[in-house]
N, C-alpha and C. Protein backbone atom coordinates (compact mmCIF):
# COMPACT_ATOMS: atom_id res chain seq x y z
N UNK A 1 36.61 195.67 227.04
CA UNK A 1 34.66 195.91 226.81
C UNK A 1 34.42 197.83 225.38
N UNK A 2 35.39 197.88 226.37
CA UNK A 2 35.28 199.70 225.66
C UNK A 2 36.05 199.02 224.50
N UNK A 3 37.37 198.15 224.62
CA UNK A 3 37.98 198.22 223.14
C UNK A 3 37.30 197.20 221.26
N UNK A 4 36.58 196.68 222.49
CA UNK A 4 35.26 195.83 221.66
C UNK A 4 34.58 196.38 220.55
N UNK A 5 34.51 197.86 221.40
CA UNK A 5 33.44 198.13 220.61
C UNK A 5 34.06 199.33 219.58
N UNK A 6 35.20 199.40 220.04
CA UNK A 6 35.85 200.61 219.54
C UNK A 6 36.08 199.73 217.91
N UNK A 7 36.89 198.77 218.01
CA UNK A 7 37.23 197.74 216.56
C UNK A 7 35.95 197.81 215.81
N UNK A 8 34.47 197.38 216.55
CA UNK A 8 33.64 197.58 216.04
C UNK A 8 32.54 198.62 215.20
N UNK A 9 33.42 199.71 216.06
CA UNK A 9 32.31 201.08 215.17
C UNK A 9 33.49 201.30 214.38
N UNK A 10 35.07 201.14 214.36
CA UNK A 10 35.36 201.92 213.23
C UNK A 10 35.60 200.65 211.98
N UNK A 11 35.02 199.20 212.34
CA UNK A 11 34.93 198.88 211.37
C UNK A 11 33.73 199.03 210.31
N UNK A 12 32.64 199.75 211.41
CA UNK A 12 31.27 200.08 210.93
C UNK A 12 31.73 201.18 209.87
N UNK A 13 32.68 202.16 210.55
CA UNK A 13 33.36 203.02 209.95
C UNK A 13 33.86 202.96 208.27
N UNK A 14 35.28 202.75 208.08
CA UNK A 14 35.10 201.88 206.91
C UNK A 14 34.07 201.52 206.48
N UNK A 15 33.61 200.31 206.70
CA UNK A 15 33.11 199.87 205.49
C UNK A 15 31.64 201.11 204.95
N UNK A 16 31.47 201.87 205.88
CA UNK A 16 30.19 202.55 205.17
C UNK A 16 30.53 204.14 204.48
N UNK A 17 31.93 204.03 205.01
CA UNK A 17 33.38 205.15 203.83
C UNK A 17 33.42 204.06 202.44
N UNK A 18 33.33 203.24 202.70
CA UNK A 18 34.17 201.91 201.58
C UNK A 18 32.03 202.85 200.60
N UNK A 19 31.83 202.13 201.47
CA UNK A 19 29.64 202.10 200.07
C UNK A 19 29.60 203.60 199.85
N UNK A 20 30.07 205.44 200.50
CA UNK A 20 29.81 206.17 200.56
C UNK A 20 30.45 206.48 198.73
N UNK A 21 32.42 206.37 199.33
CA UNK A 21 32.77 206.05 198.16
C UNK A 21 32.37 205.30 196.37
N UNK A 22 31.44 204.36 197.00
CA UNK A 22 31.52 203.60 195.00
C UNK A 22 30.26 204.27 194.97
N UNK A 23 29.25 205.13 195.74
CA UNK A 23 28.19 206.29 195.05
C UNK A 23 28.99 206.69 194.30
N UNK A 24 30.05 206.81 193.53
CA UNK A 24 30.59 207.36 192.38
C UNK A 24 30.88 207.29 191.43
N UNK A 25 30.22 205.81 191.19
CA UNK A 25 30.11 204.46 190.54
C UNK A 25 28.83 205.04 189.58
N UNK A 26 28.14 205.92 190.07
CA UNK A 26 26.82 206.30 190.25
C UNK A 26 26.95 207.23 188.34
N UNK A 27 28.22 208.50 188.81
CA UNK A 27 28.49 209.18 188.14
C UNK A 27 29.87 208.77 186.89
N UNK A 28 29.19 208.05 186.45
CA UNK A 28 30.48 206.65 184.74
C UNK A 28 29.79 207.17 184.42
N UNK A 29 29.63 207.75 183.03
CA UNK A 29 28.83 207.45 182.12
C UNK A 29 30.00 205.85 180.93
N UNK A 30 28.95 205.27 180.72
CA UNK A 30 29.28 204.57 179.49
C UNK A 30 28.01 205.14 178.40
N UNK A 31 29.20 204.60 177.03
CA UNK A 31 28.65 204.64 176.12
C UNK A 31 27.35 203.51 174.87
N UNK A 32 27.15 203.25 175.60
CA UNK A 32 25.60 202.94 175.41
C UNK A 32 24.25 203.16 175.93
N UNK A 33 22.82 203.13 175.25
CA UNK A 33 22.30 203.26 175.39
C UNK A 33 21.38 203.22 176.25
N UNK A 34 20.41 203.12 177.31
CA UNK A 34 18.98 202.57 177.37
C UNK A 34 18.72 202.27 176.11
N UNK A 35 17.61 200.91 176.90
CA UNK A 35 16.21 200.48 175.61
C UNK A 35 16.50 201.44 174.77
N UNK A 36 15.79 202.60 175.47
CA UNK A 36 14.91 203.39 175.25
C UNK A 36 15.41 204.70 174.16
N UNK A 37 16.15 204.47 174.03
CA UNK A 37 17.35 205.07 173.40
C UNK A 37 17.57 207.02 174.02
N UNK A 38 16.93 206.75 174.88
CA UNK A 38 17.00 208.80 175.80
C UNK A 38 17.78 208.99 176.39
N UNK A 39 19.31 208.21 177.07
CA UNK A 39 19.89 208.71 177.03
C UNK A 39 20.48 207.92 177.15
N UNK A 40 22.73 207.38 178.07
CA UNK A 40 23.02 206.57 178.14
C UNK A 40 23.00 205.89 179.44
N UNK A 41 23.59 204.81 179.44
CA UNK A 41 23.49 204.25 181.22
C UNK A 41 24.74 205.05 181.66
N UNK A 42 25.03 205.10 182.91
CA UNK A 42 26.05 204.84 184.06
C UNK A 42 26.62 203.33 184.93
N UNK A 43 27.22 203.50 185.08
CA UNK A 43 28.27 202.25 185.41
C UNK A 43 27.46 201.39 186.80
N UNK A 44 26.98 202.24 187.10
CA UNK A 44 26.05 201.56 188.63
C UNK A 44 24.82 200.63 187.52
N UNK A 45 24.36 201.24 186.44
CA UNK A 45 22.71 200.69 186.14
C UNK A 45 23.38 199.65 185.21
N UNK A 46 24.76 199.93 184.85
CA UNK A 46 25.11 198.78 183.92
C UNK A 46 24.97 197.14 184.75
N UNK A 47 25.97 197.78 185.76
CA UNK A 47 26.01 196.65 186.74
C UNK A 47 24.65 195.50 187.65
N UNK A 48 24.10 196.73 187.67
CA UNK A 48 22.51 196.05 188.01
C UNK A 48 21.84 195.33 186.82
N UNK A 49 21.98 196.05 185.65
CA UNK A 49 20.94 195.00 184.63
C UNK A 49 21.68 193.97 184.35
N UNK A 50 23.09 194.02 184.19
CA UNK A 50 24.16 192.56 184.09
C UNK A 50 23.95 192.39 185.28
N UNK A 51 23.86 192.14 187.01
CA UNK A 51 23.33 191.26 187.73
C UNK A 51 22.17 190.37 187.62
N UNK A 52 20.69 190.96 186.84
CA UNK A 52 19.61 190.57 186.45
C UNK A 52 19.66 189.77 186.23
N UNK A 53 20.60 190.18 184.71
CA UNK A 53 20.71 188.62 183.85
C UNK A 53 21.34 187.42 183.91
N UNK A 54 22.10 188.17 184.65
CA UNK A 54 22.91 186.74 185.33
C UNK A 54 22.21 185.78 185.56
N UNK A 55 20.87 186.13 186.78
CA UNK A 55 20.55 184.62 187.53
C UNK A 55 19.03 184.51 187.61
N UNK A 56 18.73 185.63 185.88
CA UNK A 56 18.07 185.02 185.25
C UNK A 56 18.06 184.73 184.21
N UNK A 57 19.52 184.36 183.98
CA UNK A 57 19.56 183.35 182.53
C UNK A 57 21.29 182.67 182.82
N UNK A 58 21.46 181.99 183.43
CA UNK A 58 22.45 181.46 184.55
C UNK A 58 22.26 179.67 184.48
N UNK A 59 20.96 179.63 183.91
CA UNK A 59 20.86 177.77 183.17
C UNK A 59 21.77 177.43 182.23
N UNK A 60 22.15 179.20 181.18
CA UNK A 60 22.29 178.60 179.88
C UNK A 60 24.52 178.57 179.80
N UNK A 61 24.75 179.09 181.18
CA UNK A 61 26.26 178.53 181.41
C UNK A 61 26.93 177.27 181.39
N UNK A 62 27.82 177.51 180.50
CA UNK A 62 28.64 176.32 180.20
C UNK A 62 28.64 175.62 181.16
N UNK A 63 29.09 175.59 182.66
CA UNK A 63 29.15 175.13 183.44
C UNK A 63 28.58 175.50 185.14
N UNK A 64 28.42 174.59 185.54
CA UNK A 64 27.61 175.16 186.82
C UNK A 64 28.67 176.30 188.06
N UNK A 65 27.65 176.88 188.20
CA UNK A 65 28.11 178.52 188.79
C UNK A 65 27.19 178.89 190.03
N UNK A 66 28.37 179.38 191.33
CA UNK A 66 27.66 180.00 192.40
C UNK A 66 27.12 181.11 192.20
N UNK A 67 26.02 181.88 191.74
CA UNK A 67 24.84 182.75 191.08
C UNK A 67 25.69 183.52 191.75
N UNK A 68 26.11 183.58 193.43
CA UNK A 68 25.32 184.69 194.24
C UNK A 68 27.44 185.21 194.26
N UNK A 69 28.46 184.31 193.73
CA UNK A 69 29.36 184.74 194.10
C UNK A 69 30.02 185.07 192.01
N UNK A 70 29.11 185.21 191.14
CA UNK A 70 28.54 186.00 190.30
C UNK A 70 27.81 186.87 190.34
N UNK A 71 27.06 187.11 190.45
CA UNK A 71 26.92 188.54 190.99
C UNK A 71 27.59 189.49 191.71
N UNK A 72 27.78 188.73 192.48
CA UNK A 72 29.15 189.53 193.53
C UNK A 72 30.23 190.31 192.73
N UNK A 73 30.61 189.45 191.83
CA UNK A 73 31.53 189.74 191.24
C UNK A 73 30.44 191.06 189.50
N UNK A 74 29.74 191.05 189.44
CA UNK A 74 29.25 191.22 187.79
C UNK A 74 29.02 193.14 188.82
N UNK A 75 28.69 192.90 190.47
CA UNK A 75 28.72 194.19 190.82
C UNK A 75 29.85 195.01 191.08
N UNK A 76 30.66 193.99 191.40
CA UNK A 76 31.79 195.32 192.33
C UNK A 76 32.63 195.56 190.32
N UNK A 77 32.88 194.84 189.11
CA UNK A 77 33.76 194.78 189.07
C UNK A 77 34.17 196.54 188.06
N UNK A 78 33.26 196.66 187.74
CA UNK A 78 33.53 198.24 187.40
C UNK A 78 33.75 199.48 188.50
N UNK A 79 33.95 198.73 190.14
CA UNK A 79 34.01 199.89 191.28
C UNK A 79 35.40 200.92 190.49
N UNK A 80 36.21 199.47 189.75
CA UNK A 80 37.02 200.29 189.95
C UNK A 80 37.73 201.96 189.46
N UNK A 81 36.42 202.20 188.38
CA UNK A 81 36.56 203.17 187.65
C UNK A 81 35.43 204.77 188.49
N UNK A 82 35.64 204.60 189.19
CA UNK A 82 34.96 205.24 190.01
C UNK A 82 36.35 206.45 190.26
N UNK A 83 37.85 205.27 190.01
CA UNK A 83 39.15 206.23 190.40
C UNK A 83 39.82 206.20 188.57
N UNK A 84 39.42 205.19 188.15
CA UNK A 84 40.27 205.10 187.03
C UNK A 84 39.05 205.99 185.80
N UNK A 85 37.62 205.74 185.80
CA UNK A 85 37.33 206.02 184.40
C UNK A 85 36.68 204.23 183.53
N UNK A 86 35.67 205.29 182.84
CA UNK A 86 35.20 203.76 181.50
C UNK A 86 35.84 203.82 180.90
N UNK A 87 36.16 202.83 180.11
CA UNK A 87 37.24 202.72 178.42
C UNK A 87 36.51 202.27 177.96
N UNK A 88 35.56 202.59 176.64
CA UNK A 88 34.60 202.66 176.09
C UNK A 88 35.74 201.72 175.68
N UNK A 89 34.82 200.30 174.75
CA UNK A 89 34.95 199.40 174.75
C UNK A 89 35.83 199.02 172.91
N UNK A 90 35.63 200.37 172.38
CA UNK A 90 36.51 200.43 170.82
C UNK A 90 37.22 201.26 171.19
N UNK A 91 37.69 202.31 172.32
CA UNK A 91 37.88 202.72 172.39
C UNK A 91 40.24 202.30 172.27
N UNK A 92 40.59 202.28 171.30
CA UNK A 92 41.79 201.58 171.42
C UNK A 92 42.99 202.34 172.01
N UNK A 93 42.87 203.65 172.15
CA UNK A 93 44.00 204.31 172.34
C UNK A 93 43.97 203.68 174.13
N UNK A 94 42.61 204.10 174.86
CA UNK A 94 42.22 204.17 175.25
C UNK A 94 43.14 203.42 176.09
N UNK A 95 42.37 202.23 175.58
CA UNK A 95 42.77 200.88 176.58
C UNK A 95 44.14 200.31 176.54
N UNK A 96 45.11 201.13 175.61
CA UNK A 96 46.61 200.76 176.55
C UNK A 96 46.80 201.29 177.57
N UNK A 97 46.37 202.55 178.58
CA UNK A 97 46.85 202.17 179.93
C UNK A 97 45.95 201.76 180.57
N UNK A 98 44.00 200.86 179.91
CA UNK A 98 43.11 200.60 180.60
C UNK A 98 43.37 199.77 182.31
N UNK A 99 44.61 199.29 181.87
CA UNK A 99 45.41 198.00 182.69
C UNK A 99 45.64 198.93 183.96
N UNK A 100 46.56 199.66 183.67
CA UNK A 100 47.47 200.34 184.38
C UNK A 100 46.39 201.28 185.61
N UNK A 101 45.57 202.03 185.37
CA UNK A 101 44.79 203.19 185.31
C UNK A 101 44.30 202.01 186.74
N UNK A 102 43.39 201.12 185.65
CA UNK A 102 42.31 199.75 186.61
C UNK A 102 43.04 199.00 187.71
N UNK A 103 44.46 199.19 188.04
CA UNK A 103 45.41 198.19 188.87
C UNK A 103 45.64 199.55 189.64
N UNK A 104 45.44 200.65 189.53
CA UNK A 104 46.60 201.36 190.34
C UNK A 104 45.09 202.01 191.57
N UNK A 105 44.00 201.96 190.52
CA UNK A 105 42.79 202.30 191.27
C UNK A 105 41.91 200.90 192.41
N UNK A 106 43.00 199.85 191.76
CA UNK A 106 41.81 198.43 192.91
C UNK A 106 43.26 199.21 194.34
N UNK A 107 43.42 199.28 193.97
CA UNK A 107 44.64 199.50 194.37
C UNK A 107 44.84 200.62 196.25
N UNK A 108 43.94 201.77 194.90
CA UNK A 108 43.70 202.56 196.10
C UNK A 108 42.52 202.41 197.18
N UNK A 109 41.14 201.89 195.63
CA UNK A 109 39.78 201.00 196.80
C UNK A 109 39.70 200.57 197.79
N UNK A 110 40.14 199.53 197.59
CA UNK A 110 40.04 198.42 198.64
C UNK A 110 40.42 197.80 199.57
N UNK A 111 41.97 199.41 200.27
CA UNK A 111 41.63 199.50 201.10
C UNK A 111 40.78 200.31 202.41
N UNK A 112 39.92 200.85 201.52
CA UNK A 112 39.59 201.81 202.12
C UNK A 112 38.67 200.80 203.37
N UNK A 113 38.42 199.21 203.18
CA UNK A 113 37.09 198.54 204.18
C UNK A 113 38.33 198.40 204.52
N UNK A 114 37.55 197.53 205.61
CA UNK A 114 38.40 196.25 206.99
C UNK A 114 39.35 195.47 206.31
N UNK A 115 40.49 195.14 206.53
CA UNK A 115 41.37 194.72 205.87
C UNK A 115 40.92 192.61 205.02
N UNK A 116 39.92 192.13 206.34
CA UNK A 116 39.24 191.17 205.26
C UNK A 116 38.45 191.30 204.22
N UNK A 117 37.99 192.58 204.25
CA UNK A 117 37.06 192.79 203.34
C UNK A 117 37.38 193.06 201.64
N UNK A 118 38.14 193.97 202.43
CA UNK A 118 39.30 194.54 201.09
C UNK A 118 39.96 193.27 200.58
N UNK A 119 40.39 192.29 200.71
CA UNK A 119 41.18 190.57 200.63
C UNK A 119 40.05 190.03 199.67
N UNK A 120 39.39 190.53 199.65
CA UNK A 120 37.82 189.14 199.93
C UNK A 120 36.72 190.09 198.65
N UNK A 121 37.23 191.65 198.37
CA UNK A 121 36.42 192.36 197.03
C UNK A 121 37.41 192.60 196.33
N UNK A 122 39.05 192.04 196.44
CA UNK A 122 40.01 192.23 195.55
C UNK A 122 39.80 191.23 194.92
N UNK A 123 40.26 190.21 195.99
CA UNK A 123 40.18 188.45 195.10
C UNK A 123 38.22 188.43 193.84
N UNK A 124 37.70 189.66 194.10
CA UNK A 124 36.78 188.67 192.72
C UNK A 124 37.41 189.70 191.81
N UNK A 125 37.22 191.37 192.62
CA UNK A 125 38.13 191.47 191.58
C UNK A 125 39.46 191.20 190.23
N UNK A 126 39.88 190.41 191.04
CA UNK A 126 41.46 189.55 189.60
C UNK A 126 41.05 188.77 189.40
N UNK A 127 40.03 187.72 189.98
CA UNK A 127 39.72 186.51 189.66
C UNK A 127 38.31 187.52 188.06
N UNK A 128 37.65 188.05 188.16
CA UNK A 128 36.58 189.11 187.01
C UNK A 128 37.87 189.42 185.93
N UNK A 129 38.07 189.76 186.02
CA UNK A 129 39.88 190.02 185.24
C UNK A 129 40.53 188.78 184.70
N UNK A 130 41.19 188.17 185.82
CA UNK A 130 41.13 187.02 184.77
C UNK A 130 40.54 185.81 184.08
N UNK A 131 39.18 185.93 184.99
CA UNK A 131 38.73 185.59 183.40
C UNK A 131 38.67 184.00 183.50
N UNK A 132 39.54 182.71 184.06
CA UNK A 132 39.59 181.39 184.31
C UNK A 132 38.59 180.87 184.32
N UNK A 133 37.85 180.93 186.44
CA UNK A 133 36.91 180.23 186.49
C UNK A 133 35.60 180.73 185.40
N UNK A 134 34.55 179.33 186.46
CA UNK A 134 33.44 179.54 185.22
C UNK A 134 32.21 180.47 185.67
N UNK A 135 32.24 181.73 187.39
CA UNK A 135 32.19 182.59 187.06
C UNK A 135 32.23 183.48 186.91
N UNK A 136 33.12 183.42 186.66
CA UNK A 136 34.33 184.51 185.62
C UNK A 136 34.14 184.91 184.54
N UNK A 137 33.82 183.94 183.87
CA UNK A 137 33.36 183.33 182.06
C UNK A 137 31.91 184.15 181.78
N UNK A 138 31.30 183.03 182.28
CA UNK A 138 29.40 183.92 183.15
C UNK A 138 29.89 185.04 183.19
N UNK A 139 30.37 185.65 184.08
CA UNK A 139 30.58 187.14 183.89
C UNK A 139 31.37 187.78 183.04
N UNK A 140 31.72 187.77 182.69
CA UNK A 140 32.21 187.88 181.00
C UNK A 140 31.16 188.48 180.42
N UNK A 141 30.60 187.09 180.08
CA UNK A 141 29.41 187.10 179.00
C UNK A 141 28.54 188.26 179.44
N UNK A 142 28.15 188.10 180.86
CA UNK A 142 26.71 189.40 180.71
C UNK A 142 28.08 190.13 180.47
N UNK A 143 28.64 190.58 180.54
CA UNK A 143 28.78 192.29 180.22
C UNK A 143 29.64 191.87 179.08
N UNK A 144 29.24 191.16 178.03
CA UNK A 144 30.16 191.33 177.12
C UNK A 144 27.62 191.42 176.00
N UNK A 145 27.11 190.79 176.61
CA UNK A 145 26.09 190.68 175.85
C UNK A 145 25.04 191.48 176.45
N UNK A 146 25.00 192.61 177.28
CA UNK A 146 23.68 193.35 178.53
C UNK A 146 24.07 195.19 177.62
N UNK A 147 25.52 195.37 176.82
CA UNK A 147 25.98 196.47 175.84
C UNK A 147 24.71 196.19 174.51
N UNK A 148 25.46 194.61 174.16
CA UNK A 148 24.59 194.39 172.56
C UNK A 148 23.20 194.02 172.73
N UNK A 149 23.01 193.82 173.51
CA UNK A 149 21.17 193.84 173.88
C UNK A 149 20.80 195.41 173.79
N UNK A 150 21.43 196.02 174.42
CA UNK A 150 20.80 197.25 174.66
C UNK A 150 20.87 197.55 173.17
N UNK A 151 21.93 197.86 172.63
CA UNK A 151 22.48 198.95 171.42
C UNK A 151 21.32 198.21 170.33
N UNK A 152 20.90 197.13 170.44
CA UNK A 152 19.54 196.03 169.74
C UNK A 152 18.43 196.94 169.97
N UNK A 153 17.97 196.94 171.11
CA UNK A 153 16.88 198.19 172.05
C UNK A 153 16.35 198.87 171.18
N UNK A 154 18.11 200.11 170.95
CA UNK A 154 17.95 201.29 170.95
C UNK A 154 18.07 201.68 169.91
N UNK A 155 18.08 200.54 168.59
CA UNK A 155 17.90 200.59 166.96
C UNK A 155 20.17 201.27 166.30
N UNK A 156 21.01 200.73 167.38
CA UNK A 156 22.37 200.66 167.40
C UNK A 156 22.27 201.84 167.44
N UNK A 157 22.05 202.65 167.78
CA UNK A 157 22.21 204.10 168.03
C UNK A 157 23.70 204.04 168.44
N UNK A 158 24.53 203.45 169.38
CA UNK A 158 25.70 204.12 169.87
C UNK A 158 26.51 203.59 168.72
N UNK A 159 25.72 201.45 168.41
CA UNK A 159 26.60 201.63 167.20
C UNK A 159 27.38 202.70 166.16
N UNK A 160 25.90 202.67 165.55
CA UNK A 160 26.00 204.24 164.26
C UNK A 160 26.65 205.70 164.42
N UNK A 161 26.80 206.20 166.09
CA UNK A 161 27.14 206.85 166.38
C UNK A 161 28.63 206.87 166.04
N UNK A 162 29.38 206.21 166.89
CA UNK A 162 30.56 205.35 167.08
C UNK A 162 31.12 205.05 165.28
N UNK A 163 30.57 204.68 164.11
CA UNK A 163 30.81 203.48 163.46
C UNK A 163 31.24 202.28 163.83
N UNK A 164 30.72 201.81 164.06
CA UNK A 164 31.20 200.19 164.88
C UNK A 164 31.08 199.00 164.24
N UNK A 165 32.13 198.31 164.00
CA UNK A 165 32.77 197.09 162.53
C UNK A 165 32.03 195.97 163.37
N UNK A 166 31.60 195.36 162.71
CA UNK A 166 30.71 194.02 162.88
C UNK A 166 32.42 193.62 163.84
N UNK A 167 32.75 193.63 162.85
CA UNK A 167 34.57 192.70 163.24
C UNK A 167 34.57 193.37 164.60
N UNK A 168 34.39 194.42 165.02
CA UNK A 168 35.53 195.23 166.01
C UNK A 168 34.15 194.12 167.63
N UNK A 169 32.90 194.11 166.68
CA UNK A 169 31.87 193.35 168.22
C UNK A 169 32.80 191.55 167.82
N UNK A 170 32.68 191.19 166.96
CA UNK A 170 33.09 190.03 167.58
C UNK A 170 34.18 189.81 167.58
N UNK A 171 35.52 191.15 167.88
CA UNK A 171 36.71 190.83 168.88
C UNK A 171 36.84 191.13 169.74
N UNK A 172 35.59 192.02 170.53
CA UNK A 172 34.74 192.04 171.55
C UNK A 172 34.53 190.76 172.75
N UNK A 173 33.81 190.22 171.33
CA UNK A 173 33.19 189.02 172.19
C UNK A 173 34.00 187.64 171.95
N UNK A 174 34.87 187.26 171.74
CA UNK A 174 36.12 186.97 171.88
C UNK A 174 35.51 185.65 172.30
N UNK A 175 35.40 185.40 173.67
CA UNK A 175 35.98 184.33 174.48
C UNK A 175 33.69 184.88 175.36
N UNK A 176 33.29 185.20 174.98
CA UNK A 176 31.56 184.60 175.14
C UNK A 176 31.51 183.97 175.26
N UNK A 177 31.52 183.36 174.14
CA UNK A 177 31.16 181.61 174.56
C UNK A 177 31.60 180.21 175.30
N UNK A 178 33.23 181.36 175.91
CA UNK A 178 33.54 179.73 176.93
C UNK A 178 32.25 180.11 177.87
N UNK A 179 31.55 181.91 178.50
CA UNK A 179 31.03 181.35 179.30
C UNK A 179 29.66 180.51 179.26
N UNK A 180 28.59 181.16 177.64
CA UNK A 180 27.75 180.48 176.93
C UNK A 180 27.95 180.20 175.52
N UNK A 181 28.57 179.05 175.02
CA UNK A 181 27.70 178.89 173.64
C UNK A 181 26.66 178.65 173.74
N UNK A 182 25.60 178.56 174.05
CA UNK A 182 23.63 178.79 173.88
C UNK A 182 23.82 180.46 173.57
N UNK A 183 23.94 181.13 174.52
CA UNK A 183 23.38 182.59 174.58
C UNK A 183 24.87 183.61 173.24
N UNK A 184 25.81 183.04 173.14
CA UNK A 184 26.80 183.79 172.08
C UNK A 184 25.76 183.13 170.70
N UNK A 185 25.50 182.02 170.88
CA UNK A 185 25.14 181.97 169.44
C UNK A 185 23.96 182.06 169.30
N UNK A 186 23.15 183.12 169.91
CA UNK A 186 20.82 183.15 169.92
C UNK A 186 22.09 184.87 169.56
N UNK A 187 23.17 185.42 170.58
CA UNK A 187 22.97 186.15 169.99
C UNK A 187 23.42 186.60 168.74
N UNK A 188 24.61 185.64 167.72
CA UNK A 188 24.85 185.89 166.54
C UNK A 188 23.57 185.67 165.78
N UNK A 189 22.92 184.69 165.94
CA UNK A 189 21.83 184.47 164.98
C UNK A 189 20.64 185.97 165.25
N UNK A 190 19.92 186.02 166.30
CA UNK A 190 19.12 187.18 166.94
C UNK A 190 19.31 189.02 166.27
N UNK A 191 20.92 188.71 166.82
CA UNK A 191 21.05 189.91 166.99
C UNK A 191 22.80 190.48 166.38
N UNK A 192 23.33 189.63 165.79
CA UNK A 192 24.22 190.49 165.31
C UNK A 192 23.94 190.27 164.04
N UNK A 193 23.23 189.23 163.48
CA UNK A 193 22.83 188.95 161.78
C UNK A 193 21.68 190.66 161.62
N UNK A 194 20.82 190.44 161.88
CA UNK A 194 19.67 191.88 161.77
C UNK A 194 20.54 192.95 162.00
N UNK A 195 21.54 193.02 163.11
CA UNK A 195 21.67 194.26 163.04
C UNK A 195 22.77 194.56 162.22
N UNK A 196 23.53 194.12 161.08
CA UNK A 196 24.47 194.34 159.82
C UNK A 196 23.55 194.83 159.17
N UNK A 197 22.38 193.74 158.70
CA UNK A 197 21.05 193.54 157.47
C UNK A 197 20.70 194.82 157.79
N UNK A 198 20.19 195.79 159.13
CA UNK A 198 20.57 196.75 159.24
C UNK A 198 20.69 198.59 159.16
N UNK A 199 22.42 197.71 158.75
CA UNK A 199 23.32 198.78 158.87
C UNK A 199 23.68 199.22 160.09
N UNK A 200 23.15 198.36 161.34
CA UNK A 200 23.94 199.27 162.36
C UNK A 200 25.02 199.02 162.45
N UNK A 201 25.74 198.23 161.88
CA UNK A 201 27.49 197.80 162.06
C UNK A 201 27.97 197.31 160.70
N UNK A 202 29.25 197.73 160.69
CA UNK A 202 29.26 197.87 159.25
C UNK A 202 30.38 196.56 159.53
N UNK A 203 29.53 196.01 158.04
CA UNK A 203 30.53 194.92 157.49
C UNK A 203 30.50 194.91 155.63
N UNK A 204 31.73 193.60 155.79
CA UNK A 204 31.87 193.59 154.43
C UNK A 204 31.30 192.48 153.69
N UNK A 205 30.96 192.53 152.14
CA UNK A 205 29.81 191.80 151.10
C UNK A 205 30.57 189.73 152.21
N UNK A 206 32.06 188.96 152.92
CA UNK A 206 32.53 188.44 152.93
C UNK A 206 31.95 188.14 154.61
N UNK A 207 32.29 189.49 155.15
CA UNK A 207 31.58 188.75 156.31
C UNK A 207 29.76 188.81 156.78
N UNK A 208 29.36 189.65 156.71
CA UNK A 208 28.22 188.74 156.29
C UNK A 208 27.73 187.44 155.71
N UNK A 209 28.26 187.34 154.80
CA UNK A 209 27.81 185.88 153.85
C UNK A 209 28.95 184.96 155.01
N UNK A 210 30.08 184.92 155.70
CA UNK A 210 30.52 184.66 157.11
C UNK A 210 29.95 184.16 158.37
N UNK A 211 28.73 185.48 158.71
CA UNK A 211 28.59 185.63 159.68
C UNK A 211 27.54 183.48 160.54
C-alpha cells in the first residue's frame, strides 16, 4: 500500500512539475498583434485561440477528424518553444536552426512527465510536425489561418512592419488547403485580396492578377 501511494505521489509530482514548466509558454512572445492592435500575442494565447477556432470550424475540414485529438495537438504544438523560443514565420535565418532547436527542446521537455504521458504527448507533437494525418493537417491549417485573421483585423500591422510579401504568405500557406479547401478559398477571397489592395502585403501587378 505504501509503495502504491509513493508511486502515485511521484506521478502527481511529475505531472504538476510539467504543468509549472509549460507556464513559461505565456512568456514566449510572437510577432502577430492582437485583433485590437494594442500589443502582440504570446504563444499560449495563440494556442488557445487556435483551439477554439478548430472546434468552431471543424465542419470545414477536408476529412473527418477527431476534434479532441486535434485540439490537444494544437494546445501542445508550441510547448517546445519554452526552450526553443518562437521562430517568426518569415525569419529565414531563424528557420535554418528551428528544427534542430525544437527537437532538442522536445527531448528535454516531455521526459518531465510520467513515462506513459511523455510518450503520448511526444507522439502528438511528432504527429503535428509530420503533418500527414487529417488531424495534423487541420491543426496546421488553424496554425496558418489564425495569424492571418489577426493581421487583417489589426489592419495588417505586423505585415507592414516587416514588409511582408504576398508570396511569403502564400508559401507559408502552401499546405493550408490540405486541412480545409473551403477555409483556404475563403481566406484568399476575403483576406488576401483585400490585404493586397490595401497595401498591407507587397505584391507585383502580375501577382495581384494571379491571386
